[in-house]
Amino acid sequence: MKIRLALTALGIAALSAASHAQDAAEGAKVFQKCMACHTAADATNKIGPSLKGVVGRKAASVEGFKYSPAMLAKGAAGVVWDEATLTAYLPDPKAFVPGTKMTFPGLKNPQDVANVIAYLKTTGM
């Protein structure tokens, strides 16, 4: 039963993301909320790891960044930051990675999530 509920929730999240048009320019504006801790413009780590090229990258894989044990476990489990995982992570990082060091409460607006993902797709490696 729990597995079915989890799969249903994941499916709803995926459908929710698919129903929102993505706008990278708007995502760049929303990403300003993240810039105190992250950059997506270059490979510089700040309080958080660089998010340049994050889409398609394995979790906890930025060289030189000291991840929490919880995030390292996600990387070891094979989590990759693709559209589906970012859609699940960005609204509530602490729920997706219990024990994460990230203090940001998340992006509650699904359109903001879709737009930030669109922006992060443009940052490449």
PDB file of N, CA and C in Angstrom:
ATOM      1  N   MET A   1       0.816  -1.193   0.000  1.00  0.00           N
ATOM      2  CA  MET A   1       0.000   0.000   0.000  1.00  0.00           C
ATOM      3  C   MET A   1       0.862   1.261   0.000  1.00  0.00           C
ATOM      4  N   LYS A   2       1.911   1.294   0.846  1.00  0.00           N
ATOM      5  CA  LYS A   2       2.780   2.468   0.906  1.00  0.00           C
ATOM      6  C   LYS A   2       3.492   2.694  -0.425  1.00  0.00           C
ATOM      7  N   ILE A   3       3.908   1.596  -1.063  1.00  0.00           N
ATOM      8  CA  ILE A   3       4.588   1.718  -2.357  1.00  0.00           C
ATOM      9  C   ILE A   3       3.629   2.302  -3.383  1.00  0.00           C
ATOM     10  N   ARG A   4       2.387   1.821  -3.381  1.00  0.00           N
ATOM     11  CA  ARG A   4       1.398   2.329  -4.333  1.00  0.00           C
ATOM     12  C   ARG A   4       1.171   3.821  -4.107  1.00  0.00           C
ATOM     13  N   LEU A   5       1.078   4.256  -2.848  1.00  0.00           N
ATOM     14  CA  LEU A   5       0.885   5.675  -2.551  1.00  0.00           C
ATOM     15  C   LEU A   5       2.081   6.499  -3.008  1.00  0.00           C
ATOM     16  N   ALA A   6       3.277   5.978  -2.784  1.00  0.00           N
ATOM     17  CA  ALA A   6       4.482   6.697  -3.207  1.00  0.00           C
ATOM     18  C   ALA A   6       4.525   6.824  -4.722  1.00  0.00           C
ATOM     19  N   LEU A   7       4.194   5.760  -5.415  1.00  0.00           N
ATOM     20  CA  LEU A   7       4.187   5.809  -6.878  1.00  0.00           C
ATOM     21  C   LEU A   7       3.112   6.760  -7.390  1.00  0.00           C
ATOM     22  N   THR A   8       1.956   6.761  -6.728  1.00  0.00           N
ATOM     23  CA  THR A   8       0.890   7.681  -7.104  1.00  0.00           C
ATOM     24  C   THR A   8       1.343   9.121  -6.911  1.00  0.00           C
ATOM     25  N   ALA A   9       1.974   9.408  -5.779  1.00  0.00           N
ATOM     26  CA  ALA A   9       2.471  10.762  -5.511  1.00  0.00           C
ATOM     27  C   ALA A   9       3.516  11.169  -6.538  1.00  0.00           C
ATOM     28  N   LEU A  10       4.395  10.238  -6.896  1.00  0.00           N
ATOM     29  CA  LEU A  10       5.419  10.543  -7.895  1.00  0.00           C
ATOM     30  C   LEU A  10       4.767  10.817  -9.245  1.00  0.00           C
ATOM     31  N   GLY A  11       3.767  10.041  -9.580  1.00  0.00           N
ATOM     32  CA  GLY A  11       3.050  10.251 -10.833  1.00  0.00           C
ATOM     33  C   GLY A  11       2.351  11.591 -10.870  1.00  0.00           C
ATOM     34  N   ILE A  12       1.740  11.967  -9.762  1.00  0.00           N
ATOM     35  CA  ILE A  12       1.076  13.262  -9.682  1.00  0.00           C
ATOM     36  C   ILE A  12       2.100  14.383  -9.830  1.00  0.00           C
ATOM     37  N   ALA A  13       3.255  14.242  -9.189  1.00  0.00           N
ATOM     38  CA  ALA A  13       4.309  15.255  -9.311  1.00  0.00           C
ATOM     39  C   ALA A  13       4.771  15.372 -10.760  1.00  0.00           C
ATOM     40  N   ALA A  14       4.934  14.242 -11.420  1.00  0.00           N
ATOM     41  CA  ALA A  14       5.381  14.261 -12.819  1.00  0.00           C
ATOM     42  C   ALA A  14       4.327  14.916 -13.708  1.00  0.00           C
ATOM     43  N   LEU A  15       3.051  14.583 -13.499  1.00  0.00           N
ATOM     44  CA  LEU A  15       1.991  15.195 -14.283  1.00  0.00           C
ATOM     45  C   LEU A  15       1.882  16.673 -13.995  1.00  0.00           C
ATOM     46  N   SER A  16       2.079  17.049 -12.731  1.00  0.00           N
ATOM     47  CA  SER A  16       2.024  18.448 -12.346  1.00  0.00           C
ATOM     48  C   SER A  16       3.103  19.247 -13.066  1.00  0.00           C
ATOM     49  N   ALA A  17       4.314  18.695 -13.116  1.00  0.00           N
ATOM     50  CA  ALA A  17       5.410  19.381 -13.798  1.00  0.00           C
ATOM     51  C   ALA A  17       5.130  19.487 -15.279  1.00  0.00           C
ATOM     52  N   ALA A  18       4.556  18.425 -15.843  1.00  0.00           N
ATOM     53  CA  ALA A  18       4.288  18.414 -17.272  1.00  0.00           C
ATOM     54  C   ALA A  18       3.215  19.428 -17.641  1.00  0.00           C
ATOM     55  N   SER A  19       2.321  19.758 -16.712  1.00  0.00           N
ATOM     56  CA  SER A  19       1.228  20.663 -17.009  1.00  0.00           C
ATOM     57  C   SER A  19       1.647  22.136 -16.929  1.00  0.00           C
ATOM     58  N   HIS A  20       2.851  22.424 -16.504  1.00  0.00           N
ATOM     59  CA  HIS A  20       3.326  23.794 -16.386  1.00  0.00           C
ATOM     60  C   HIS A  20       4.335  24.077 -17.496  1.00  0.00           C
ATOM     61  N   ALA A  21       4.036  25.082 -18.312  1.00  0.00           N
ATOM     62  CA  ALA A  21       4.986  25.497 -19.338  1.00  0.00           C
ATOM     63  C   ALA A  21       6.231  26.029 -18.641  1.00  0.00           C
ATOM     64  N   GLN A  22       7.367  25.762 -19.231  1.00  0.00           N
ATOM     65  CA  GLN A  22       8.622  26.189 -18.612  1.00  0.00           C
ATOM     66  C   GLN A  22       9.139  27.460 -19.279  1.00  0.00           C
ATOM     67  N   ASP A  23       9.606  28.389 -18.468  1.00  0.00           N
ATOM     68  CA  ASP A  23      10.133  29.658 -18.940  1.00  0.00           C
ATOM     69  C   ASP A  23      11.478  29.899 -18.250  1.00  0.00           C
ATOM     70  N   ALA A  24      12.560  29.707 -18.992  1.00  0.00           N
ATOM     71  CA  ALA A  24      13.906  29.821 -18.424  1.00  0.00           C
ATOM     72  C   ALA A  24      14.197  31.236 -17.925  1.00  0.00           C
ATOM     73  N   ALA A  25      13.705  32.250 -18.624  1.00  0.00           N
ATOM     74  CA  ALA A  25      13.949  33.630 -18.188  1.00  0.00           C
ATOM     75  C   ALA A  25      13.267  33.897 -16.835  1.00  0.00           C
ATOM     76  N   GLU A  26      12.051  33.403 -16.671  1.00  0.00           N
ATOM     77  CA  GLU A  26      11.371  33.540 -15.373  1.00  0.00           C
ATOM     78  C   GLU A  26      12.084  32.700 -14.316  1.00  0.00           C
ATOM     79  N   GLY A  27      12.587  31.533 -14.728  1.00  0.00           N
ATOM     80  CA  GLY A  27      13.332  30.683 -13.810  1.00  0.00           C
ATOM     81  C   GLY A  27      14.589  31.355 -13.295  1.00  0.00           C
ATOM     82  N   ALA A  28      15.254  32.131 -14.158  1.00  0.00           N
ATOM     83  CA  ALA A  28      16.450  32.870 -13.740  1.00  0.00           C
ATOM     84  C   ALA A  28      16.079  33.887 -12.657  1.00  0.00           C
ATOM     85  N   LYS A  29      14.913  34.481 -12.776  1.00  0.00           N
ATOM     86  CA  LYS A  29      14.456  35.436 -11.761  1.00  0.00           C
ATOM     87  C   LYS A  29      14.175  34.724 -10.439  1.00  0.00           C
ATOM     88  N   VAL A  30      13.492  33.589 -10.509  1.00  0.00           N
ATOM     89  CA  VAL A  30      13.188  32.828  -9.295  1.00  0.00           C
ATOM     90  C   VAL A  30      14.479  32.308  -8.662  1.00  0.00           C
ATOM     91  N   PHE A  31      15.449  31.927  -9.505  1.00  0.00           N
ATOM     92  CA  PHE A  31      16.720  31.400  -9.004  1.00  0.00           C
ATOM     93  C   PHE A  31      17.455  32.407  -8.132  1.00  0.00           C
ATOM     94  N   GLN A  32      17.121  33.680  -8.225  1.00  0.00           N
ATOM     95  CA  GLN A  32      17.753  34.682  -7.366  1.00  0.00           C
ATOM     96  C   GLN A  32      17.552  34.343  -5.891  1.00  0.00           C
ATOM     97  N   LYS A  33      16.476  33.617  -5.556  1.00  0.00           N
ATOM     98  CA  LYS A  33      16.251  33.171  -4.178  1.00  0.00           C
ATOM     99  C   LYS A  33      17.328  32.176  -3.742  1.00  0.00           C
ATOM    100  N   CYS A  34      17.945  31.513  -4.690  1.00  0.00           N
ATOM    101  CA  CYS A  34      18.927  30.461  -4.420  1.00  0.00           C
ATOM    102  C   CYS A  34      20.361  30.992  -4.397  1.00  0.00           C
ATOM    103  N   MET A  35      20.555  32.203  -4.907  1.00  0.00           N
ATOM    104  CA  MET A  35      21.902  32.710  -5.148  1.00  0.00           C
ATOM    105  C   MET A  35      22.702  33.048  -3.894  1.00  0.00           C
ATOM    106  N   ALA A  36      22.059  33.130  -2.744  1.00  0.00           N
ATOM    107  CA  ALA A  36      22.819  33.346  -1.517  1.00  0.00           C
ATOM    108  C   ALA A  36      23.715  32.140  -1.237  1.00  0.00           C
ATOM    109  N   CYS A  37      23.275  30.972  -1.691  1.00  0.00           N
ATOM    110  CA  CYS A  37      24.013  29.740  -1.398  1.00  0.00           C
ATOM    111  C   CYS A  37      24.559  29.030  -2.637  1.00  0.00           C
ATOM    112  N   HIS A  38      23.993  29.282  -3.804  1.00  0.00           N
ATOM    113  CA  HIS A  38      24.371  28.560  -5.021  1.00  0.00           C
ATOM    114  C   HIS A  38      24.675  29.506  -6.161  1.00  0.00           C
ATOM    115  N   THR A  39      25.458  29.029  -7.106  1.00  0.00           N
ATOM    116  CA  THR A  39      25.619  29.693  -8.387  1.00  0.00           C
ATOM    117  C   THR A  39      25.331  28.669  -9.470  1.00  0.00           C
ATOM    118  N   ALA A  40      24.836  29.154 -10.595  1.00  0.00           N
ATOM    119  CA  ALA A  40      24.652  28.282 -11.753  1.00  0.00           C
ATOM    120  C   ALA A  40      25.446  28.831 -12.926  1.00  0.00           C
ATOM    121  N   ALA A  41      26.106  29.962 -12.710  1.00  0.00           N
ATOM    122  CA  ALA A  41      26.858  30.608 -13.781  1.00  0.00           C
ATOM    123  C   ALA A  41      28.238  29.997 -13.988  1.00  0.00           C
ATOM    124  N   ASP A  42      28.813  29.452 -12.933  1.00  0.00           N
ATOM    125  CA  ASP A  42      30.139  28.838 -13.045  1.00  0.00           C
ATOM    126  C   ASP A  42      30.249  27.684 -12.056  1.00  0.00           C
ATOM    127  N   ALA A  43      31.419  27.080 -11.993  1.00  0.00           N
ATOM    128  CA  ALA A  43      31.613  25.884 -11.167  1.00  0.00           C
ATOM    129  C   ALA A  43      32.049  26.205  -9.740  1.00  0.00           C
ATOM    130  N   THR A  44      31.848  27.439  -9.298  1.00  0.00           N
ATOM    131  CA  THR A  44      32.254  27.840  -7.958  1.00  0.00           C
ATOM    132  C   THR A  44      31.265  27.325  -6.916  1.00  0.00           C
ATOM    133  N   ASN A  45      31.793  26.670  -5.890  1.00  0.00           N
ATOM    134  CA  ASN A  45      30.955  26.263  -4.765  1.00  0.00           C
ATOM    135  C   ASN A  45      30.856  27.416  -3.786  1.00  0.00           C
ATOM    136  N   LYS A  46      29.674  27.594  -3.234  1.00  0.00           N
ATOM    137  CA  LYS A  46      29.450  28.597  -2.203  1.00  0.00           C
ATOM    138  C   LYS A  46      29.063  27.836  -0.939  1.00  0.00           C
ATOM    139  N   ILE A  47      28.098  28.289  -0.197  1.00  0.00           N
ATOM    140  CA  ILE A  47      27.581  27.540   0.951  1.00  0.00           C
ATOM    141  C   ILE A  47      27.019  26.212   0.452  1.00  0.00           C
ATOM    142  N   GLY A  48      26.401  26.253  -0.730  1.00  0.00           N
ATOM    143  CA  GLY A  48      25.910  25.062  -1.408  1.00  0.00           C
ATOM    144  C   GLY A  48      26.767  24.809  -2.646  1.00  0.00           C
ATOM    145  N   PRO A  49      26.628  23.635  -3.236  1.00  0.00           N
ATOM    146  CA  PRO A  49      27.433  23.326  -4.419  1.00  0.00           C
ATOM    147  C   PRO A  49      26.987  24.130  -5.641  1.00  0.00           C
ATOM    148  N   SER A  50      27.878  24.268  -6.598  1.00  0.00           N
ATOM    149  CA  SER A  50      27.524  24.886  -7.866  1.00  0.00           C
ATOM    150  C   SER A  50      26.411  24.075  -8.519  1.00  0.00           C
ATOM    151  N   LEU A  51      25.461  24.774  -9.101  1.00  0.00           N
ATOM    152  CA  LEU A  51      24.378  24.107  -9.817  1.00  0.00           C
ATOM    153  C   LEU A  51      24.542  24.223 -11.327  1.00  0.00           C
ATOM    154  N   LYS A  52      25.699  24.690 -11.757  1.00  0.00           N
ATOM    155  CA  LYS A  52      25.986  24.729 -13.198  1.00  0.00           C
ATOM    156  C   LYS A  52      25.994  23.295 -13.714  1.00  0.00           C
ATOM    157  N   GLY A  53      25.154  23.016 -14.692  1.00  0.00           N
ATOM    158  CA  GLY A  53      25.091  21.682 -15.266  1.00  0.00           C
ATOM    159  C   GLY A  53      24.451  20.640 -14.378  1.00  0.00           C
ATOM    160  N   VAL A  54      23.649  21.061 -13.408  1.00  0.00           N
ATOM    161  CA  VAL A  54      23.069  20.112 -12.456  1.00  0.00           C
ATOM    162  C   VAL A  54      22.103  19.135 -13.122  1.00  0.00           C
ATOM    163  N   VAL A  55      21.370  19.577 -14.144  1.00  0.00           N
ATOM    164  CA  VAL A  55      20.392  18.689 -14.779  1.00  0.00           C
ATOM    165  C   VAL A  55      21.139  17.578 -15.516  1.00  0.00           C
ATOM    166  N   GLY A  56      20.879  16.353 -15.076  1.00  0.00           N
ATOM    167  CA  GLY A  56      21.558  15.183 -15.634  1.00  0.00           C
ATOM    168  C   GLY A  56      22.739  14.710 -14.813  1.00  0.00           C
ATOM    169  N   ARG A  57      23.063  15.433 -13.746  1.00  0.00           N
ATOM    170  CA  ARG A  57      24.216  15.100 -12.908  1.00  0.00           C
ATOM    171  C   ARG A  57      23.783  14.231 -11.732  1.00  0.00           C
ATOM    172  N   LYS A  58      24.646  13.312 -11.353  1.00  0.00           N
ATOM    173  CA  LYS A  58      24.402  12.469 -10.191  1.00  0.00           C
ATOM    174  C   LYS A  58      24.411  13.339  -8.931  1.00  0.00           C
ATOM    175  N   ALA A  59      23.530  13.032  -8.003  1.00  0.00           N
ATOM    176  CA  ALA A  59      23.471  13.754  -6.734  1.00  0.00           C
ATOM    177  C   ALA A  59      24.790  13.611  -5.982  1.00  0.00           C
ATOM    178  N   ALA A  60      25.164  14.671  -5.279  1.00  0.00           N
ATOM    179  CA  ALA A  60      26.360  14.693  -4.421  1.00  0.00           C
ATOM    180  C   ALA A  60      27.634  14.400  -5.189  1.00  0.00           C
ATOM    181  N   SER A  61      27.767  14.973  -6.383  1.00  0.00           N
ATOM    182  CA  SER A  61      28.929  14.642  -7.212  1.00  0.00           C
ATOM    183  C   SER A  61      29.811  15.832  -7.584  1.00  0.00           C
ATOM    184  N   VAL A  62      29.576  17.000  -6.995  1.00  0.00           N
ATOM    185  CA  VAL A  62      30.416  18.162  -7.303  1.00  0.00           C
ATOM    186  C   VAL A  62      31.724  18.046  -6.527  1.00  0.00           C
ATOM    187  N   GLU A  63      32.833  18.058  -7.252  1.00  0.00           N
ATOM    188  CA  GLU A  63      34.165  17.970  -6.632  1.00  0.00           C
ATOM    189  C   GLU A  63      34.374  19.101  -5.646  1.00  0.00           C
ATOM    190  N   GLY A  64      34.927  18.761  -4.511  1.00  0.00           N
ATOM    191  CA  GLY A  64      35.318  19.766  -3.538  1.00  0.00           C
ATOM    192  C   GLY A  64      34.213  20.249  -2.620  1.00  0.00           C
ATOM    193  N   PHE A  65      32.992  19.768  -2.813  1.00  0.00           N
ATOM    194  CA  PHE A  65      31.919  20.200  -1.925  1.00  0.00           C
ATOM    195  C   PHE A  65      31.687  19.138  -0.862  1.00  0.00           C
ATOM    196  N   LYS A  66      31.522  19.575   0.397  1.00  0.00           N
ATOM    197  CA  LYS A  66      31.303  18.653   1.510  1.00  0.00           C
ATOM    198  C   LYS A  66      29.796  18.478   1.730  1.00  0.00           C
ATOM    199  N   TYR A  67      29.285  17.385   1.209  1.00  0.00           N
ATOM    200  CA  TYR A  67      27.856  17.078   1.310  1.00  0.00           C
ATOM    201  C   TYR A  67      27.516  16.460   2.659  1.00  0.00           C
ATOM    202  N   SER A  68      26.241  16.565   3.021  1.00  0.00           N
ATOM    203  CA  SER A  68      25.744  15.884   4.220  1.00  0.00           C
ATOM    204  C   SER A  68      25.737  14.377   3.956  1.00  0.00           C
ATOM    205  N   PRO A  69      25.816  13.579   5.009  1.00  0.00           N
ATOM    206  CA  PRO A  69      25.697  12.124   4.820  1.00  0.00           C
ATOM    207  C   PRO A  69      24.404  11.743   4.101  1.00  0.00           C
ATOM    208  N   ALA A  70      23.329  12.472   4.357  1.00  0.00           N
ATOM    209  CA  ALA A  70      22.042  12.170   3.714  1.00  0.00           C
ATOM    210  C   ALA A  70      22.124  12.368   2.202  1.00  0.00           C
ATOM    211  N   MET A  71      22.755  13.464   1.768  1.00  0.00           N
ATOM    212  CA  MET A  71      22.884  13.714   0.330  1.00  0.00           C
ATOM    213  C   MET A  71      23.865  12.729  -0.295  1.00  0.00           C
ATOM    214  N   LEU A  72      24.929  12.404   0.420  1.00  0.00           N
ATOM    215  CA  LEU A  72      25.871  11.393  -0.091  1.00  0.00           C
ATOM    216  C   LEU A  72      25.157  10.060  -0.302  1.00  0.00           C
ATOM    217  N   ALA A  73      24.240   9.722   0.599  1.00  0.00           N
ATOM    218  CA  ALA A  73      23.480   8.476   0.466  1.00  0.00           C
ATOM    219  C   ALA A  73      22.600   8.516  -0.787  1.00  0.00           C
ATOM    220  N   LYS A  74      22.009   9.671  -1.092  1.00  0.00           N
ATOM    221  CA  LYS A  74      21.211   9.798  -2.319  1.00  0.00           C
ATOM    222  C   LYS A  74      22.085   9.562  -3.548  1.00  0.00           C
ATOM    223  N   GLY A  75      23.278  10.152  -3.533  1.00  0.00           N
ATOM    224  CA  GLY A  75      24.192   9.938  -4.654  1.00  0.00           C
ATOM    225  C   GLY A  75      24.594   8.479  -4.772  1.00  0.00           C
ATOM    226  N   ALA A  76      24.887   7.845  -3.644  1.00  0.00           N
ATOM    227  CA  ALA A  76      25.270   6.432  -3.636  1.00  0.00           C
ATOM    228  C   ALA A  76      24.121   5.544  -4.117  1.00  0.00           C
ATOM    229  N   ALA A  77      22.891   5.999  -3.896  1.00  0.00           N
ATOM    230  CA  ALA A  77      21.716   5.246  -4.341  1.00  0.00           C
ATOM    231  C   ALA A  77      21.438   5.446  -5.827  1.00  0.00           C
ATOM    232  N   GLY A  78      22.210   6.332  -6.464  1.00  0.00           N
ATOM    233  CA  GLY A  78      22.068   6.540  -7.903  1.00  0.00           C
ATOM    234  C   GLY A  78      21.116   7.647  -8.313  1.00  0.00           C
ATOM    235  N   VAL A  79      20.718   8.502  -7.366  1.00  0.00           N
ATOM    236  CA  VAL A  79      19.822   9.607  -7.715  1.00  0.00           C
ATOM    237  C   VAL A  79      20.534  10.539  -8.691  1.00  0.00           C
ATOM    238  N   VAL A  80      19.831  10.890  -9.751  1.00  0.00           N
ATOM    239  CA  VAL A  80      20.325  11.830 -10.760  1.00  0.00           C
ATOM    240  C   VAL A  80      19.364  13.004 -10.782  1.00  0.00           C
ATOM    241  N   TRP A  81      19.913  14.196 -10.857  1.00  0.00           N
ATOM    242  CA  TRP A  81      19.080  15.407 -10.885  1.00  0.00           C
ATOM    243  C   TRP A  81      18.528  15.610 -12.287  1.00  0.00           C
ATOM    244  N   ASP A  82      17.406  14.983 -12.545  1.00  0.00           N
ATOM    245  CA  ASP A  82      16.709  15.187 -13.808  1.00  0.00           C
ATOM    246  C   ASP A  82      15.415  15.952 -13.506  1.00  0.00           C
ATOM    247  N   GLU A  83      14.589  16.137 -14.501  1.00  0.00           N
ATOM    248  CA  GLU A  83      13.378  16.932 -14.300  1.00  0.00           C
ATOM    249  C   GLU A  83      12.471  16.332 -13.222  1.00  0.00           C
ATOM    250  N   ALA A  84      12.329  15.022 -13.211  1.00  0.00           N
ATOM    251  CA  ALA A  84      11.448  14.379 -12.228  1.00  0.00           C
ATOM    252  C   ALA A  84      11.980  14.528 -10.805  1.00  0.00           C
ATOM    253  N   THR A  85      13.276  14.306 -10.600  1.00  0.00           N
ATOM    254  CA  THR A  85      13.804  14.405  -9.237  1.00  0.00           C
ATOM    255  C   THR A  85      13.830  15.860  -8.763  1.00  0.00           C
ATOM    256  N   LEU A  86      14.157  16.780  -9.649  1.00  0.00           N
ATOM    257  CA  LEU A  86      14.132  18.194  -9.266  1.00  0.00           C
ATOM    258  C   LEU A  86      12.712  18.647  -8.942  1.00  0.00           C
ATOM    259  N   THR A  87      11.732  18.127  -9.682  1.00  0.00           N
ATOM    260  CA  THR A  87      10.331  18.457  -9.418  1.00  0.00           C
ATOM    261  C   THR A  87       9.906  17.948  -8.043  1.00  0.00           C
ATOM    262  N   ALA A  88      10.429  16.822  -7.641  1.00  0.00           N
ATOM    263  CA  ALA A  88      10.120  16.276  -6.315  1.00  0.00           C
ATOM    264  C   ALA A  88      10.915  16.984  -5.221  1.00  0.00           C
ATOM    265  N   TYR A  89      12.153  17.388  -5.521  1.00  0.00           N
ATOM    266  CA  TYR A  89      13.060  17.965  -4.529  1.00  0.00           C
ATOM    267  C   TYR A  89      12.781  19.445  -4.224  1.00  0.00           C
ATOM    268  N   LEU A  90      12.610  20.240  -5.252  1.00  0.00           N
ATOM    269  CA  LEU A  90      12.559  21.691  -5.066  1.00  0.00           C
ATOM    270  C   LEU A  90      11.413  22.201  -4.184  1.00  0.00           C
ATOM    271  N   PRO A  91      10.245  21.586  -4.176  1.00  0.00           N
ATOM    272  CA  PRO A  91       9.195  22.084  -3.273  1.00  0.00           C
ATOM    273  C   PRO A  91       9.472  21.816  -1.790  1.00  0.00           C
ATOM    274  N   ASP A  92      10.237  20.774  -1.485  1.00  0.00           N
ATOM    275  CA  ASP A  92      10.475  20.426  -0.079  1.00  0.00           C
ATOM    276  C   ASP A  92      11.767  19.615   0.040  1.00  0.00           C
ATOM    277  N   PRO A  93      12.924  20.292  -0.016  1.00  0.00           N
ATOM    278  CA  PRO A  93      14.206  19.578   0.020  1.00  0.00           C
ATOM    279  C   PRO A  93      14.372  18.658   1.225  1.00  0.00           C
ATOM    280  N   LYS A  94      13.887  19.073   2.381  1.00  0.00           N
ATOM    281  CA  LYS A  94      14.060  18.261   3.596  1.00  0.00           C
ATOM    282  C   LYS A  94      13.213  16.982   3.558  1.00  0.00           C
ATOM    283  N   ALA A  95      12.123  16.998   2.835  1.00  0.00           N
ATOM    284  CA  ALA A  95      11.308  15.784   2.705  1.00  0.00           C
ATOM    285  C   ALA A  95      11.965  14.817   1.725  1.00  0.00           C
ATOM    286  N   PHE A  96      12.561  15.352   0.658  1.00  0.00           N
ATOM    287  CA  PHE A  96      13.198  14.508  -0.352  1.00  0.00           C
ATOM    288  C   PHE A  96      14.517  13.929   0.153  1.00  0.00           C
ATOM    289  N   VAL A  97      15.251  14.732   0.937  1.00  0.00           N
ATOM    290  CA  VAL A  97      16.534  14.300   1.506  1.00  0.00           C
ATOM    291  C   VAL A  97      16.518  14.598   3.009  1.00  0.00           C
ATOM    292  N   PRO A  98      15.854  13.743   3.797  1.00  0.00           N
ATOM    293  CA  PRO A  98      15.859  13.967   5.243  1.00  0.00           C
ATOM    294  C   PRO A  98      17.302  13.976   5.769  1.00  0.00           C
ATOM    295  N   GLY A  99      17.661  15.026   6.491  1.00  0.00           N
ATOM    296  CA  GLY A  99      19.020  15.153   6.996  1.00  0.00           C
ATOM    297  C   GLY A  99      19.907  16.037   6.136  1.00  0.00           C
ATOM    298  N   THR A 100      19.350  16.635   5.083  1.00  0.00           N
ATOM    299  CA  THR A 100      20.133  17.528   4.240  1.00  0.00           C
ATOM    300  C   THR A 100      20.598  18.744   5.032  1.00  0.00           C
ATOM    301  N   LYS A 101      21.726  19.326   4.625  1.00  0.00           N
ATOM    302  CA  LYS A 101      22.205  20.561   5.252  1.00  0.00           C
ATOM    303  C   LYS A 101      21.452  21.781   4.723  1.00  0.00           C
ATOM    304  N   MET A 102      20.775  21.619   3.601  1.00  0.00           N
ATOM    305  CA  MET A 102      20.112  22.749   2.971  1.00  0.00           C
ATOM    306  C   MET A 102      18.967  23.247   3.849  1.00  0.00           C
ATOM    307  N   THR A 103      18.985  24.537   4.157  1.00  0.00           N
ATOM    308  CA  THR A 103      17.974  25.117   5.037  1.00  0.00           C
ATOM    309  C   THR A 103      16.820  25.758   4.272  1.00  0.00           C
ATOM    310  N   PHE A 104      16.944  25.918   2.971  1.00  0.00           N
ATOM    311  CA  PHE A 104      15.897  26.539   2.156  1.00  0.00           C
ATOM    312  C   PHE A 104      14.615  25.719   2.257  1.00  0.00           C
ATOM    313  N   PRO A 105      13.473  26.377   2.529  1.00  0.00           N
ATOM    314  CA  PRO A 105      12.227  25.624   2.719  1.00  0.00           C
ATOM    315  C   PRO A 105      11.627  25.070   1.440  1.00  0.00           C
ATOM    316  N   GLY A 106      12.070  25.532   0.297  1.00  0.00           N
ATOM    317  CA  GLY A 106      11.563  25.012  -0.965  1.00  0.00           C
ATOM    318  C   GLY A 106      10.760  26.046  -1.732  1.00  0.00           C
ATOM    319  N   LEU A 107      10.477  25.709  -2.975  1.00  0.00           N
ATOM    320  CA  LEU A 107       9.654  26.544  -3.848  1.00  0.00           C
ATOM    321  C   LEU A 107       8.254  25.954  -3.847  1.00  0.00           C
ATOM    322  N   LYS A 108       7.313  26.656  -3.303  1.00  0.00           N
ATOM    323  CA  LYS A 108       5.956  26.117  -3.127  1.00  0.00           C
ATOM    324  C   LYS A 108       5.092  26.261  -4.377  1.00  0.00           C
ATOM    325  N   ASN A 109       5.437  27.176  -5.271  1.00  0.00           N
ATOM    326  CA  ASN A 109       4.659  27.396  -6.487  1.00  0.00           C
ATOM    327  C   ASN A 109       5.159  26.440  -7.580  1.00  0.00           C
ATOM    328  N   PRO A 110       4.306  25.533  -8.061  1.00  0.00           N
ATOM    329  CA  PRO A 110       4.742  24.581  -9.096  1.00  0.00           C
ATOM    330  C   PRO A 110       5.268  25.263 -10.362  1.00  0.00           C
ATOM    331  N   GLN A 111       4.735  26.437 -10.698  1.00  0.00           N
ATOM    332  CA  GLN A 111       5.232  27.152 -11.879  1.00  0.00           C
ATOM    333  C   GLN A 111       6.658  27.637 -11.642  1.00  0.00           C
ATOM    334  N   ASP A 112       6.971  28.090 -10.429  1.00  0.00           N
ATOM    335  CA  ASP A 112       8.340  28.492 -10.102  1.00  0.00           C
ATOM    336  C   ASP A 112       9.286  27.303 -10.230  1.00  0.00           C
ATOM    337  N   VAL A 113       8.847  26.136  -9.766  1.00  0.00           N
ATOM    338  CA  VAL A 113       9.667  24.923  -9.872  1.00  0.00           C
ATOM    339  C   VAL A 113       9.949  24.619 -11.338  1.00  0.00           C
ATOM    340  N   ALA A 114       8.912  24.620 -12.164  1.00  0.00           N
ATOM    341  CA  ALA A 114       9.076  24.337 -13.596  1.00  0.00           C
ATOM    342  C   ALA A 114      10.022  25.346 -14.246  1.00  0.00           C
ATOM    343  N   ASN A 115       9.875  26.609 -13.881  1.00  0.00           N
ATOM    344  CA  ASN A 115      10.718  27.653 -14.473  1.00  0.00           C
ATOM    345  C   ASN A 115      12.172  27.539 -14.025  1.00  0.00           C
ATOM    346  N   VAL A 116      12.400  27.238 -12.759  1.00  0.00           N
ATOM    347  CA  VAL A 116      13.783  27.068 -12.282  1.00  0.00           C
ATOM    348  C   VAL A 116      14.433  25.880 -12.985  1.00  0.00           C
ATOM    349  N   ILE A 117      13.707  24.814 -13.165  1.00  0.00           N
ATOM    350  CA  ILE A 117      14.253  23.660 -13.885  1.00  0.00           C
ATOM    351  C   ILE A 117      14.609  24.064 -15.313  1.00  0.00           C
ATOM    352  N   ALA A 118      13.742  24.812 -15.963  1.00  0.00           N
ATOM    353  CA  ALA A 118      14.032  25.302 -17.324  1.00  0.00           C
ATOM    354  C   ALA A 118      15.314  26.122 -17.326  1.00  0.00           C
ATOM    355  N   TYR A 119      15.462  27.000 -16.343  1.00  0.00           N
ATOM    356  CA  TYR A 119      16.679  27.805 -16.243  1.00  0.00           C
ATOM    357  C   TYR A 119      17.909  26.919 -16.015  1.00  0.00           C
ATOM    358  N   LEU A 120      17.810  25.981 -15.098  1.00  0.00           N
ATOM    359  CA  LEU A 120      18.959  25.118 -14.804  1.00  0.00           C
ATOM    360  C   LEU A 120      19.354  24.279 -16.015  1.00  0.00           C
ATOM    361  N   LYS A 121      18.398  23.943 -16.868  1.00  0.00           N
ATOM    362  CA  LYS A 121      18.704  23.211 -18.107  1.00  0.00           C
ATOM    363  C   LYS A 121      19.599  24.026 -19.029  1.00  0.00           C
ATOM    364  N   THR A 122      19.541  25.348 -18.915  1.00  0.00           N
ATOM    365  CA  THR A 122      20.328  26.207 -19.813  1.00  0.00           C
ATOM    366  C   THR A 122      21.763  26.389 -19.334  1.00  0.00           C
ATOM    367  N   THR A 123      22.078  25.947 -18.119  1.00  0.00           N
ATOM    368  CA  THR A 123      23.397  26.248 -17.550  1.00  0.00           C
ATOM    369  C   THR A 123      24.490  25.309 -18.037  1.00  0.00           C
ATOM    370  N   GLY A 124      24.119  24.151 -18.594  1.00  0.00           N
ATOM    371  CA  GLY A 124      25.102  23.228 -19.159  1.00  0.00           C
ATOM    372  C   GLY A 124      26.279  22.924 -18.252  1.00  0.00           C
ATOM    373  N   MET A 125      27.223  22.184 -18.775  1.00  0.00           N
ATOM    374  CA  MET A 125      28.417  21.825 -17.994  1.00  0.00           C
ATOM    375  C   MET A 125      29.565  22.731 -18.325  1.00  0.00           C
TER     376      MET A 125
END
